């Protein structure tokens, strides 16, 4: 499975895929991760949407 604009990652499961993408998210999207507006509810919505993209690919 590959995704994330210009970043590629592989994983047999969604969890493996997310683990492979974690360095990218921590570097390229640190501002979003640290923004207090993006609380638990927003994070959960993003995870649901991201899992749907993984399963559709």
C-alpha atoms as a PDB file:
ATOM      1  CA  UNK A   1       0.000   0.000   0.000  1.00  0.00           C
ATOM      2  CA  UNK A   2       1.376   3.411  -0.883  1.00  0.00           C
ATOM      3  CA  UNK A   3       0.030   6.863  -0.122  1.00  0.00           C
ATOM      4  CA  UNK A   4       0.746  10.336   1.175  1.00  0.00           C
ATOM      5  CA  UNK A   5       1.249  12.735  -1.694  1.00  0.00           C
ATOM      6  CA  UNK A   6       4.938  12.387  -2.590  1.00  0.00           C
ATOM      7  CA  UNK A   7       5.778  10.065   0.304  1.00  0.00           C
ATOM      8  CA  UNK A   8       5.515   6.318  -0.099  1.00  0.00           C
ATOM      9  CA  UNK A   9       5.132   3.679   2.577  1.00  0.00           C
ATOM     10  CA  UNK A  10       4.362   0.001   2.628  1.00  0.00           C
ATOM     11  CA  UNK A  11       2.515  -2.170   5.092  1.00  0.00           C
ATOM     12  CA  UNK A  12       0.397  -5.291   5.004  1.00  0.00           C
ATOM     13  CA  UNK A  13      -1.978  -3.852   7.595  1.00  0.00           C
ATOM     14  CA  UNK A  14      -3.214  -0.354   8.303  1.00  0.00           C
ATOM     15  CA  UNK A  15      -1.198  -0.331  11.533  1.00  0.00           C
ATOM     16  CA  UNK A  16       2.027  -1.311   9.720  1.00  0.00           C
ATOM     17  CA  UNK A  17       1.370   1.298   7.063  1.00  0.00           C
ATOM     18  CA  UNK A  18       0.799   4.025   9.648  1.00  0.00           C
ATOM     19  CA  UNK A  19       3.958   2.996  11.503  1.00  0.00           C
ATOM     20  CA  UNK A  20       5.921   3.283   8.245  1.00  0.00           C
ATOM     21  CA  UNK A  21       4.490   6.765   7.629  1.00  0.00           C
ATOM     22  CA  UNK A  22       5.109   8.039  11.164  1.00  0.00           C
ATOM     23  CA  UNK A  23       8.566   9.565  10.444  1.00  0.00           C
ATOM     24  CA  UNK A  24       7.034  11.493   7.529  1.00  0.00           C
ATOM     25  CA  UNK A  25       4.148  12.788   9.624  1.00  0.00           C
ATOM     26  CA  UNK A  26       6.433  13.791  12.509  1.00  0.00           C
ATOM     27  CA  UNK A  27       8.720  15.751  10.183  1.00  0.00           C
ATOM     28  CA  UNK A  28       6.471  17.155   7.471  1.00  0.00           C
ATOM     29  CA  UNK A  29       3.323  17.706   9.539  1.00  0.00           C
ATOM     30  CA  UNK A  30       4.674  18.495  13.012  1.00  0.00           C
ATOM     31  CA  UNK A  31       2.794  21.800  13.015  1.00  0.00           C
ATOM     32  CA  UNK A  32      -0.532  20.028  12.482  1.00  0.00           C
ATOM     33  CA  UNK A  33       0.230  17.377  15.095  1.00  0.00           C
ATOM     34  CA  UNK A  34       1.179  19.996  17.710  1.00  0.00           C
ATOM     35  CA  UNK A  35      -1.686  22.402  16.956  1.00  0.00           C
ATOM     36  CA  UNK A  36      -4.058  22.438  19.960  1.00  0.00           C
ATOM     37  CA  UNK A  37      -7.024  22.911  17.589  1.00  0.00           C
ATOM     38  CA  UNK A  38      -6.440  19.342  16.416  1.00  0.00           C
ATOM     39  CA  UNK A  39      -7.691  17.603  19.540  1.00  0.00           C
ATOM     40  CA  UNK A  40      -8.608  13.975  20.097  1.00  0.00           C
ATOM     41  CA  UNK A  41     -11.871  14.243  18.134  1.00  0.00           C
ATOM     42  CA  UNK A  42     -10.114  15.660  15.059  1.00  0.00           C
ATOM     43  CA  UNK A  43      -7.379  13.008  15.327  1.00  0.00           C
ATOM     44  CA  UNK A  44      -9.957  10.214  15.471  1.00  0.00           C
ATOM     45  CA  UNK A  45     -11.796  11.596  12.422  1.00  0.00           C
ATOM     46  CA  UNK A  46      -8.499  11.769  10.522  1.00  0.00           C
ATOM     47  CA  UNK A  47      -7.653   8.162  11.474  1.00  0.00           C
ATOM     48  CA  UNK A  48     -11.060   6.923  10.274  1.00  0.00           C
ATOM     49  CA  UNK A  49     -10.640   8.782   6.968  1.00  0.00           C
ATOM     50  CA  UNK A  50      -7.058   7.553   6.562  1.00  0.00           C
ATOM     51  CA  UNK A  51      -8.050   3.934   7.260  1.00  0.00           C
ATOM     52  CA  UNK A  52     -10.792   4.213   4.625  1.00  0.00           C
ATOM     53  CA  UNK A  53      -8.185   5.396   2.082  1.00  0.00           C
ATOM     54  CA  UNK A  54      -5.929   2.470   3.015  1.00  0.00           C
ATOM     55  CA  UNK A  55      -8.732  -0.070   2.637  1.00  0.00           C
ATOM     56  CA  UNK A  56      -9.873   1.412  -0.685  1.00  0.00           C
ATOM     57  CA  UNK A  57      -6.411   1.168  -2.237  1.00  0.00           C
END
